[in-house]
Amino acid sequence: MTEAVDVLHAIERLTTLVGPGPVPNPAALESARAVLTSMGLGKGSTGYRAEKLAAVSEDFATWFGAGVPSVISAEPGIFRTRLLRDIEHLKKALARGSEGQD
């Protein structure tokens, strides 16, 4: 497989992991972190790419964390939209390298 296909599969996996949450789900959080690590999280990524990897990682930590904030529980659709938007921005960052912003 090419790198582009690997990235597409990884993005699809992240999107699928969003699921019906937000709910505490350590296994799903670990799965999201594994995908993000395979994309470069914590491995010297720089610039916009590193910023987007970190943002998606933080979003998943909130989405699947043990103490889902009540504001997210009350309005999960708003945070879900944010999480999916951040995943889309990550996809774009990976497609073009670390330069630029959305």
N, C-alpha and C. Protein backbone atom coordinates (compact mmCIF):
# COMPACT_ATOMS: atom_id res chain seq x y z
N MET A 1 0.83 -1.18 0.00
CA MET A 1 0.00 0.00 0.00
C MET A 1 0.88 1.25 0.00
N THR A 2 0.34 2.28 -0.59
CA THR A 2 1.07 3.55 -0.59
C THR A 2 0.80 4.29 0.72
N GLU A 3 1.63 5.29 0.96
CA GLU A 3 1.46 6.09 2.18
C GLU A 3 0.10 6.78 2.18
N ALA A 4 -0.34 7.27 1.01
CA ALA A 4 -1.64 7.96 0.92
C ALA A 4 -2.78 7.02 1.32
N VAL A 5 -2.71 5.78 0.89
CA VAL A 5 -3.76 4.80 1.24
C VAL A 5 -3.71 4.51 2.74
N ASP A 6 -2.50 4.39 3.29
CA ASP A 6 -2.37 4.17 4.74
C ASP A 6 -2.99 5.32 5.53
N VAL A 7 -2.72 6.55 5.08
CA VAL A 7 -3.28 7.73 5.74
C VAL A 7 -4.80 7.71 5.65
N LEU A 8 -5.33 7.39 4.48
CA LEU A 8 -6.78 7.34 4.30
C LEU A 8 -7.40 6.31 5.24
N HIS A 9 -6.79 5.14 5.35
CA HIS A 9 -7.31 4.11 6.27
C HIS A 9 -7.24 4.58 7.72
N ALA A 10 -6.16 5.26 8.07
CA ALA A 10 -6.01 5.76 9.44
C ALA A 10 -7.08 6.81 9.74
N ILE A 11 -7.33 7.70 8.80
CA ILE A 11 -8.36 8.74 8.99
C ILE A 11 -9.73 8.08 9.12
N GLU A 12 -10.00 7.09 8.28
CA GLU A 12 -11.28 6.38 8.37
C GLU A 12 -11.42 5.70 9.73
N ARG A 13 -10.33 5.12 10.23
CA ARG A 13 -10.36 4.46 11.54
C ARG A 13 -10.67 5.47 12.65
N LEU A 14 -10.02 6.64 12.60
CA LEU A 14 -10.28 7.67 13.60
C LEU A 14 -11.74 8.12 13.55
N THR A 15 -12.25 8.31 12.35
CA THR A 15 -13.63 8.75 12.19
C THR A 15 -14.60 7.70 12.75
N THR A 16 -14.31 6.44 12.49
CA THR A 16 -15.14 5.36 13.01
C THR A 16 -15.09 5.30 14.53
N LEU A 17 -13.92 5.56 15.09
CA LEU A 17 -13.77 5.50 16.55
C LEU A 17 -14.62 6.54 17.27
N VAL A 18 -14.93 7.65 16.61
CA VAL A 18 -15.74 8.68 17.26
C VAL A 18 -17.03 8.06 17.78
N GLY A 19 -17.64 7.19 16.98
CA GLY A 19 -18.79 6.41 17.40
C GLY A 19 -19.87 7.22 18.09
N PRO A 20 -20.60 6.55 18.97
CA PRO A 20 -21.74 7.20 19.61
C PRO A 20 -21.40 8.01 20.85
N GLY A 21 -20.16 8.03 21.29
CA GLY A 21 -19.72 8.73 22.50
C GLY A 21 -20.49 10.01 22.78
N PRO A 22 -20.08 10.80 23.72
CA PRO A 22 -18.89 10.58 24.53
C PRO A 22 -19.17 9.63 25.69
N VAL A 23 -18.29 8.69 25.83
CA VAL A 23 -18.37 7.74 26.94
C VAL A 23 -16.96 7.37 27.37
N PRO A 24 -16.77 7.10 28.64
CA PRO A 24 -15.46 6.59 29.05
C PRO A 24 -15.19 5.26 28.34
N ASN A 25 -14.09 5.20 27.61
CA ASN A 25 -13.77 4.00 26.84
C ASN A 25 -12.26 3.91 26.67
N PRO A 26 -11.57 3.34 27.65
CA PRO A 26 -10.11 3.26 27.58
C PRO A 26 -9.59 2.51 26.36
N ALA A 27 -10.28 1.46 25.94
CA ALA A 27 -9.82 0.69 24.78
C ALA A 27 -9.89 1.52 23.50
N ALA A 28 -10.97 2.26 23.33
CA ALA A 28 -11.10 3.12 22.14
C ALA A 28 -10.08 4.25 22.18
N LEU A 29 -9.83 4.79 23.36
CA LEU A 29 -8.83 5.84 23.50
C LEU A 29 -7.45 5.31 23.13
N GLU A 30 -7.12 4.13 23.60
CA GLU A 30 -5.82 3.51 23.28
C GLU A 30 -5.72 3.24 21.78
N SER A 31 -6.80 2.81 21.18
CA SER A 31 -6.81 2.57 19.73
C SER A 31 -6.58 3.86 18.96
N ALA A 32 -7.24 4.94 19.37
CA ALA A 32 -7.05 6.23 18.71
C ALA A 32 -5.61 6.69 18.86
N ARG A 33 -5.05 6.54 20.06
CA ARG A 33 -3.66 6.95 20.28
C ARG A 33 -2.70 6.12 19.43
N ALA A 34 -2.98 4.83 19.26
CA ALA A 34 -2.12 3.99 18.43
C ALA A 34 -2.15 4.46 16.98
N VAL A 35 -3.33 4.80 16.48
CA VAL A 35 -3.44 5.31 15.11
C VAL A 35 -2.68 6.63 14.98
N LEU A 36 -2.87 7.52 15.93
CA LEU A 36 -2.19 8.82 15.88
C LEU A 36 -0.67 8.66 16.00
N THR A 37 -0.22 7.73 16.80
CA THR A 37 1.21 7.47 16.91
C THR A 37 1.76 6.97 15.59
N SER A 38 1.01 6.12 14.91
CA SER A 38 1.45 5.62 13.60
C SER A 38 1.53 6.75 12.57
N MET A 39 0.80 7.83 12.83
CA MET A 39 0.80 8.99 11.92
C MET A 39 1.89 9.99 12.30
N GLY A 40 2.56 9.77 13.43
CA GLY A 40 3.66 10.64 13.80
C GLY A 40 3.54 11.34 15.12
N LEU A 41 2.46 11.13 15.86
CA LEU A 41 2.31 11.77 17.17
C LEU A 41 3.44 11.33 18.08
N GLY A 42 4.15 12.32 18.64
CA GLY A 42 5.23 12.02 19.56
C GLY A 42 6.50 11.51 18.92
N LYS A 43 6.57 11.56 17.60
CA LYS A 43 7.74 11.04 16.89
C LYS A 43 8.45 12.13 16.10
N GLY A 44 8.46 13.32 16.64
CA GLY A 44 9.21 14.39 15.99
C GLY A 44 8.47 15.14 14.90
N SER A 45 7.17 14.93 14.79
CA SER A 45 6.40 15.75 13.84
C SER A 45 6.51 17.20 14.27
N THR A 46 6.53 18.09 13.29
CA THR A 46 6.66 19.50 13.60
C THR A 46 5.58 20.31 12.88
N GLY A 47 5.49 21.56 13.25
CA GLY A 47 4.61 22.50 12.57
C GLY A 47 3.14 22.15 12.69
N TYR A 48 2.45 22.47 11.62
CA TYR A 48 1.00 22.31 11.58
C TYR A 48 0.59 20.84 11.76
N ARG A 49 1.36 19.94 11.18
CA ARG A 49 1.06 18.51 11.31
C ARG A 49 1.08 18.10 12.79
N ALA A 50 2.12 18.48 13.51
CA ALA A 50 2.21 18.15 14.93
C ALA A 50 1.07 18.79 15.72
N GLU A 51 0.73 20.01 15.35
CA GLU A 51 -0.37 20.72 16.01
C GLU A 51 -1.69 19.97 15.83
N LYS A 52 -1.96 19.49 14.64
CA LYS A 52 -3.21 18.78 14.37
C LYS A 52 -3.22 17.40 15.02
N LEU A 53 -2.08 16.70 15.02
CA LEU A 53 -2.00 15.42 15.71
C LEU A 53 -2.31 15.60 17.20
N ALA A 54 -1.72 16.62 17.80
CA ALA A 54 -1.95 16.89 19.22
C ALA A 54 -3.41 17.27 19.48
N ALA A 55 -3.99 18.07 18.62
CA ALA A 55 -5.38 18.49 18.81
C ALA A 55 -6.33 17.29 18.77
N VAL A 56 -6.14 16.41 17.81
CA VAL A 56 -7.01 15.23 17.70
C VAL A 56 -6.78 14.31 18.90
N SER A 57 -5.54 14.17 19.33
CA SER A 57 -5.24 13.34 20.50
C SER A 57 -5.95 13.89 21.74
N GLU A 58 -5.87 15.19 21.95
CA GLU A 58 -6.54 15.82 23.09
C GLU A 58 -8.06 15.67 23.00
N ASP A 59 -8.59 15.83 21.79
CA ASP A 59 -10.04 15.66 21.60
C ASP A 59 -10.48 14.25 21.98
N PHE A 60 -9.73 13.24 21.52
CA PHE A 60 -10.08 11.86 21.87
C PHE A 60 -9.94 11.61 23.36
N ALA A 61 -8.93 12.20 24.00
CA ALA A 61 -8.77 12.04 25.45
C ALA A 61 -9.99 12.59 26.19
N THR A 62 -10.53 13.68 25.70
CA THR A 62 -11.74 14.26 26.29
C THR A 62 -12.95 13.39 25.98
N TRP A 63 -13.08 12.95 24.73
CA TRP A 63 -14.22 12.17 24.25
C TRP A 63 -14.36 10.83 24.97
N PHE A 64 -13.21 10.17 25.20
CA PHE A 64 -13.22 8.84 25.81
C PHE A 64 -12.69 8.81 27.23
N GLY A 65 -12.36 9.95 27.81
CA GLY A 65 -11.76 10.01 29.14
C GLY A 65 -12.71 9.56 30.23
N ALA A 66 -12.12 9.23 31.36
CA ALA A 66 -12.89 8.74 32.50
C ALA A 66 -13.87 9.79 33.02
N GLY A 67 -13.49 11.05 32.93
CA GLY A 67 -14.36 12.11 33.44
C GLY A 67 -14.83 13.00 32.31
N VAL A 68 -15.72 12.49 31.47
CA VAL A 68 -16.24 13.29 30.36
C VAL A 68 -16.89 14.53 30.95
N PRO A 69 -16.41 15.71 30.57
CA PRO A 69 -16.97 16.95 31.13
C PRO A 69 -18.48 17.05 30.89
N SER A 70 -19.18 17.60 31.87
CA SER A 70 -20.64 17.68 31.76
C SER A 70 -21.07 18.53 30.58
N VAL A 71 -20.28 19.53 30.21
CA VAL A 71 -20.64 20.36 29.06
C VAL A 71 -20.66 19.53 27.77
N ILE A 72 -19.79 18.55 27.67
CA ILE A 72 -19.78 17.68 26.50
C ILE A 72 -20.95 16.70 26.58
N SER A 73 -21.19 16.15 27.76
CA SER A 73 -22.30 15.23 27.93
C SER A 73 -23.63 15.89 27.61
N ALA A 74 -23.76 17.17 27.94
CA ALA A 74 -25.00 17.90 27.69
C ALA A 74 -25.19 18.23 26.21
N GLU A 75 -24.10 18.51 25.51
CA GLU A 75 -24.15 18.89 24.09
C GLU A 75 -23.12 18.09 23.29
N PRO A 76 -23.27 16.77 23.20
CA PRO A 76 -22.25 15.97 22.53
C PRO A 76 -22.11 16.28 21.04
N GLY A 77 -23.16 16.74 20.41
CA GLY A 77 -23.11 17.04 18.97
C GLY A 77 -22.11 18.13 18.64
N ILE A 78 -22.01 19.12 19.51
CA ILE A 78 -21.08 20.23 19.28
C ILE A 78 -19.64 19.72 19.34
N PHE A 79 -19.33 18.94 20.37
CA PHE A 79 -17.96 18.44 20.49
C PHE A 79 -17.66 17.41 19.40
N ARG A 80 -18.65 16.59 19.04
CA ARG A 80 -18.47 15.61 17.95
C ARG A 80 -18.10 16.34 16.66
N THR A 81 -18.78 17.43 16.38
CA THR A 81 -18.48 18.22 15.18
C THR A 81 -17.05 18.75 15.24
N ARG A 82 -16.64 19.22 16.41
CA ARG A 82 -15.27 19.72 16.58
C ARG A 82 -14.26 18.60 16.34
N LEU A 83 -14.51 17.44 16.93
CA LEU A 83 -13.60 16.31 16.79
C LEU A 83 -13.49 15.89 15.32
N LEU A 84 -14.61 15.78 14.64
CA LEU A 84 -14.59 15.39 13.23
C LEU A 84 -13.91 16.45 12.37
N ARG A 85 -14.11 17.73 12.71
CA ARG A 85 -13.44 18.81 11.98
C ARG A 85 -11.93 18.73 12.19
N ASP A 86 -11.51 18.47 13.42
CA ASP A 86 -10.08 18.35 13.69
C ASP A 86 -9.47 17.15 12.95
N ILE A 87 -10.21 16.06 12.85
CA ILE A 87 -9.73 14.90 12.08
C ILE A 87 -9.58 15.29 10.60
N GLU A 88 -10.53 16.04 10.07
CA GLU A 88 -10.45 16.48 8.66
C GLU A 88 -9.25 17.41 8.47
N HIS A 89 -8.99 18.30 9.40
CA HIS A 89 -7.82 19.18 9.31
C HIS A 89 -6.53 18.37 9.37
N LEU A 90 -6.52 17.32 10.19
CA LEU A 90 -5.36 16.44 10.26
C LEU A 90 -5.14 15.76 8.91
N LYS A 91 -6.20 15.30 8.32
CA LYS A 91 -6.11 14.66 7.00
C LYS A 91 -5.46 15.61 5.99
N LYS A 92 -5.89 16.85 5.98
CA LYS A 92 -5.33 17.84 5.07
C LYS A 92 -3.86 18.12 5.39
N ALA A 93 -3.54 18.21 6.68
CA ALA A 93 -2.15 18.46 7.08
C ALA A 93 -1.24 17.32 6.65
N LEU A 94 -1.71 16.10 6.77
CA LEU A 94 -0.92 14.94 6.37
C LEU A 94 -0.76 14.88 4.86
N ALA A 95 -1.77 15.35 4.14
CA ALA A 95 -1.71 15.32 2.68
C ALA A 95 -0.69 16.29 2.12
N ARG A 96 -0.45 17.38 2.82
CA ARG A 96 0.46 18.39 2.26
C ARG A 96 1.71 18.63 3.08
N GLY A 97 1.94 17.87 4.11
CA GLY A 97 3.13 18.09 4.93
C GLY A 97 2.81 19.01 6.07
N SER A 98 3.82 19.67 6.62
CA SER A 98 3.63 20.45 7.83
C SER A 98 3.37 21.92 7.56
N GLU A 99 3.48 22.39 6.33
CA GLU A 99 3.26 23.81 6.09
C GLU A 99 1.78 24.13 5.97
N GLY A 100 1.46 25.39 6.16
CA GLY A 100 0.10 25.87 5.90
C GLY A 100 -0.86 25.60 7.02
N GLN A 101 -2.01 26.24 6.88
CA GLN A 101 -3.09 26.05 7.83
C GLN A 101 -4.42 26.06 7.08
N ASP A 102 -5.43 25.53 7.75
CA ASP A 102 -6.79 25.54 7.19
C ASP A 102 -7.51 26.76 7.70
